[in-house]
């Protein structure tokens, strides 16, 4: 009897140890706590149906309200240029999701800092190309949204790195209706 108990205990130990763990996603499939269909609807509403669009997405609670936001980076020949692509933050609202960041000319990685502004976590996005130096920008929430461009004020150049949400080379998924 004791032998069976210990076998079950040892076999179950990894599950017990991992039960309390959480990870920050890396732009792949760590988006289980957001409604992918509603996010895709919001992306289609934002970008229309011009050209093929791929996106990397991760969920993370940026405003500490117990509901995760979707952090998204798109890739598209139609919407991206030599300076980069759009990065978005979508927050849940009564009608689905509302865009609180739609930043142009961004690159990956996208990271979250342990600091916050007006109750929302500060973000760091990469930028560069299109005649600009490569670097990282600090994106702070202003009470309504995050900055729309990491290369101009109110975004600020930063050396801070934060915890990576979307990696430098994420897995992208095709946006389809």
Protein backbone atom coordinates (compact mmCIF):
# COMPACT_ATOMS: atom_id res chain seq x y z
CA UNK A 1 0.00 0.00 0.00
CA UNK A 2 2.78 2.46 0.92
CA UNK A 3 4.59 1.67 -2.32
CA UNK A 4 1.56 2.59 -4.46
CA UNK A 5 1.01 5.79 -2.49
CA UNK A 6 4.60 6.88 -3.07
CA UNK A 7 4.46 5.98 -6.78
CA UNK A 8 1.34 8.13 -7.20
CA UNK A 9 2.92 10.92 -5.15
CA UNK A 10 6.12 10.91 -7.21
CA UNK A 11 4.22 10.67 -10.51
CA UNK A 12 1.98 13.60 -9.51
CA UNK A 13 4.75 15.85 -8.23
CA UNK A 14 5.48 17.66 -11.56
CA UNK A 15 1.80 18.57 -11.96
CA UNK A 16 1.63 19.96 -8.42
CA UNK A 17 4.83 21.95 -8.90
CA UNK A 18 3.67 23.45 -12.19
CA UNK A 19 0.10 24.22 -11.08
CA UNK A 20 1.06 27.55 -9.53
CA UNK A 21 3.38 28.66 -12.31
CA UNK A 22 2.57 31.25 -14.90
CA UNK A 23 4.62 32.51 -17.78
CA UNK A 24 4.78 35.56 -19.91
CA UNK A 25 4.02 34.62 -23.48
CA UNK A 26 6.27 34.92 -26.43
CA UNK A 27 3.92 35.74 -29.28
CA UNK A 28 2.68 32.26 -29.89
CA UNK A 29 -0.17 30.49 -28.21
CA UNK A 30 -0.16 32.19 -24.80
CA UNK A 31 -3.43 33.95 -25.53
CA UNK A 32 -5.86 31.58 -23.87
CA UNK A 33 -7.46 34.21 -21.65
CA UNK A 34 -8.59 36.49 -24.48
CA UNK A 35 -11.27 35.87 -27.09
CA UNK A 36 -9.25 35.22 -30.25
CA UNK A 37 -12.33 35.58 -32.47
CA UNK A 38 -13.18 39.00 -31.02
CA UNK A 39 -9.54 40.10 -31.33
CA UNK A 40 -9.48 39.00 -34.98
CA UNK A 41 -12.75 40.88 -35.58
CA UNK A 42 -11.18 44.02 -34.09
CA UNK A 43 -8.08 43.59 -36.26
CA UNK A 44 -10.19 43.14 -39.40
CA UNK A 45 -12.20 46.24 -38.45
CA UNK A 46 -8.97 48.19 -37.96
CA UNK A 47 -7.06 47.00 -41.03
CA UNK A 48 -9.81 45.97 -43.39
CA UNK A 49 -9.26 43.18 -45.82
CA UNK A 50 -6.49 44.72 -47.91
CA UNK A 51 -3.61 42.34 -48.35
CA UNK A 52 -2.59 39.38 -46.24
CA UNK A 53 -2.03 40.06 -42.55
CA UNK A 54 -0.28 37.82 -40.05
CA UNK A 55 -0.20 38.54 -36.35
CA UNK A 56 1.54 37.45 -33.17
CA UNK A 57 -0.48 37.83 -30.00
CA UNK A 58 -0.06 37.32 -26.28
CA UNK A 59 -2.35 38.06 -23.36
CA UNK A 60 -1.27 39.98 -20.28
CA UNK A 61 -3.14 42.04 -17.68
CA UNK A 62 -1.64 45.50 -18.22
CA UNK A 63 -4.08 47.47 -16.04
CA UNK A 64 -4.38 45.03 -13.11
CA UNK A 65 -8.16 44.69 -13.46
CA UNK A 66 -8.10 40.90 -13.55
CA UNK A 67 -8.79 40.77 -17.32
CA UNK A 68 -6.01 40.30 -19.81
CA UNK A 69 -5.34 42.68 -22.65
CA UNK A 70 -4.20 41.35 -26.03
CA UNK A 71 -0.81 42.59 -27.16
CA UNK A 72 -0.52 42.13 -30.92
CA UNK A 73 2.18 42.69 -33.53
CA UNK A 74 1.18 42.46 -37.18
CA UNK A 75 3.18 41.54 -40.25
CA UNK A 76 1.93 42.50 -43.72
CA UNK A 77 3.42 43.61 -47.01
CA UNK A 78 0.48 46.00 -47.35
CA UNK A 79 0.60 47.65 -43.89
CA UNK A 80 4.29 47.40 -43.03
CA UNK A 81 7.15 49.37 -44.43
CA UNK A 82 10.87 49.67 -44.02
CA UNK A 83 10.29 51.29 -40.62
CA UNK A 84 8.30 48.38 -39.22
CA UNK A 85 4.73 47.32 -38.58
CA UNK A 86 1.89 48.11 -36.18
CA UNK A 87 1.80 46.97 -32.57
CA UNK A 88 -1.56 47.07 -30.83
CA UNK A 89 -2.97 46.68 -27.36
CA UNK A 90 -6.63 45.72 -27.16
CA UNK A 91 -8.51 45.82 -23.88
CA UNK A 92 -11.80 44.08 -23.16
CA UNK A 93 -14.88 46.28 -23.01
CA UNK A 94 -18.62 45.70 -23.05
CA UNK A 95 -18.64 45.42 -26.85
CA UNK A 96 -15.66 43.13 -27.38
CA UNK A 97 -12.25 44.84 -27.48
CA UNK A 98 -11.17 48.46 -27.69
CA UNK A 99 -7.79 49.51 -29.09
CA UNK A 100 -5.69 51.45 -26.57
CA UNK A 101 -2.46 51.30 -28.56
CA UNK A 102 -2.04 51.32 -32.32
CA UNK A 103 1.63 52.18 -32.75
CA UNK A 104 3.13 52.36 -36.21
CA UNK A 105 6.76 51.64 -37.19
CA UNK A 106 7.37 49.07 -34.47
CA UNK A 107 9.48 45.97 -34.42
CA UNK A 108 9.73 43.10 -32.02
CA UNK A 109 10.49 42.37 -29.23
CA UNK A 110 7.71 43.96 -27.20
CA UNK A 111 8.21 43.91 -23.44
CA UNK A 112 6.46 44.95 -20.25
CA UNK A 113 8.20 46.83 -17.46
CA UNK A 114 7.53 46.61 -13.74
CA UNK A 115 6.70 50.34 -13.72
CA UNK A 116 3.31 51.79 -14.54
CA UNK A 117 1.74 55.09 -15.57
CA UNK A 118 -1.87 56.01 -14.78
CA UNK A 119 -2.56 52.46 -13.63
CA UNK A 120 -1.24 50.69 -16.76
CA UNK A 121 2.05 48.85 -17.16
CA UNK A 122 4.71 50.64 -19.16
CA UNK A 123 5.75 48.90 -22.38
CA UNK A 124 8.95 48.81 -24.39
CA UNK A 125 8.79 48.35 -28.17
CA UNK A 126 11.64 48.01 -30.62
CA UNK A 127 11.90 50.27 -33.64
CA UNK A 128 14.30 50.94 -36.47
CA UNK A 129 14.78 50.92 -40.20
CA UNK A 130 13.30 53.26 -42.75
CA UNK A 131 16.22 55.64 -42.25
CA UNK A 132 16.05 55.52 -38.44
CA UNK A 133 18.51 54.04 -35.98
CA UNK A 134 17.45 50.88 -34.20
CA UNK A 135 16.45 51.20 -30.57
CA UNK A 136 13.79 50.72 -27.93
CA UNK A 137 11.04 53.11 -26.90
CA UNK A 138 9.28 53.50 -23.58
CA UNK A 139 5.52 53.62 -24.17
CA UNK A 140 3.51 55.06 -21.27
CA UNK A 141 -0.27 55.08 -20.97
CA UNK A 142 -1.66 58.66 -20.89
CA UNK A 143 -5.04 57.85 -19.36
CA UNK A 144 -6.67 57.05 -22.72
CA UNK A 145 -4.03 55.27 -24.79
CA UNK A 146 -0.39 54.47 -25.38
CA UNK A 147 1.61 56.55 -27.90
CA UNK A 148 0.97 55.91 -31.59
CA UNK A 149 4.59 56.13 -32.73
CA UNK A 150 7.67 54.97 -30.79
CA UNK A 151 9.99 57.43 -32.55
CA UNK A 152 8.33 60.69 -31.48
CA UNK A 153 7.15 62.22 -28.20
CA UNK A 154 5.54 61.29 -25.91
CA UNK A 155 7.39 57.98 -26.46
CA UNK A 156 10.95 58.09 -25.14
CA UNK A 157 14.09 56.25 -26.19
CA UNK A 158 15.10 53.82 -23.45
CA UNK A 159 17.75 51.25 -22.62
CA UNK A 160 15.35 49.33 -20.40
CA UNK A 161 14.42 45.85 -21.59
CA UNK A 162 11.63 44.51 -19.36
CA UNK A 163 10.02 41.09 -19.54
CA UNK A 164 9.50 40.01 -23.13
CA UNK A 165 5.87 39.54 -24.15
CA UNK A 166 6.39 39.07 -27.90
CA UNK A 167 9.82 37.78 -28.82
CA UNK A 168 12.11 39.15 -31.50
CA UNK A 169 11.14 36.31 -33.82
CA UNK A 170 7.59 35.32 -32.84
CA UNK A 171 5.28 32.78 -34.40
CA UNK A 172 2.79 34.63 -36.58
CA UNK A 173 -0.68 33.37 -37.45
CA UNK A 174 -2.67 34.35 -40.53
CA UNK A 175 -5.63 36.70 -39.97
CA UNK A 176 -8.61 35.24 -41.79
CA UNK A 177 -12.30 36.13 -41.75
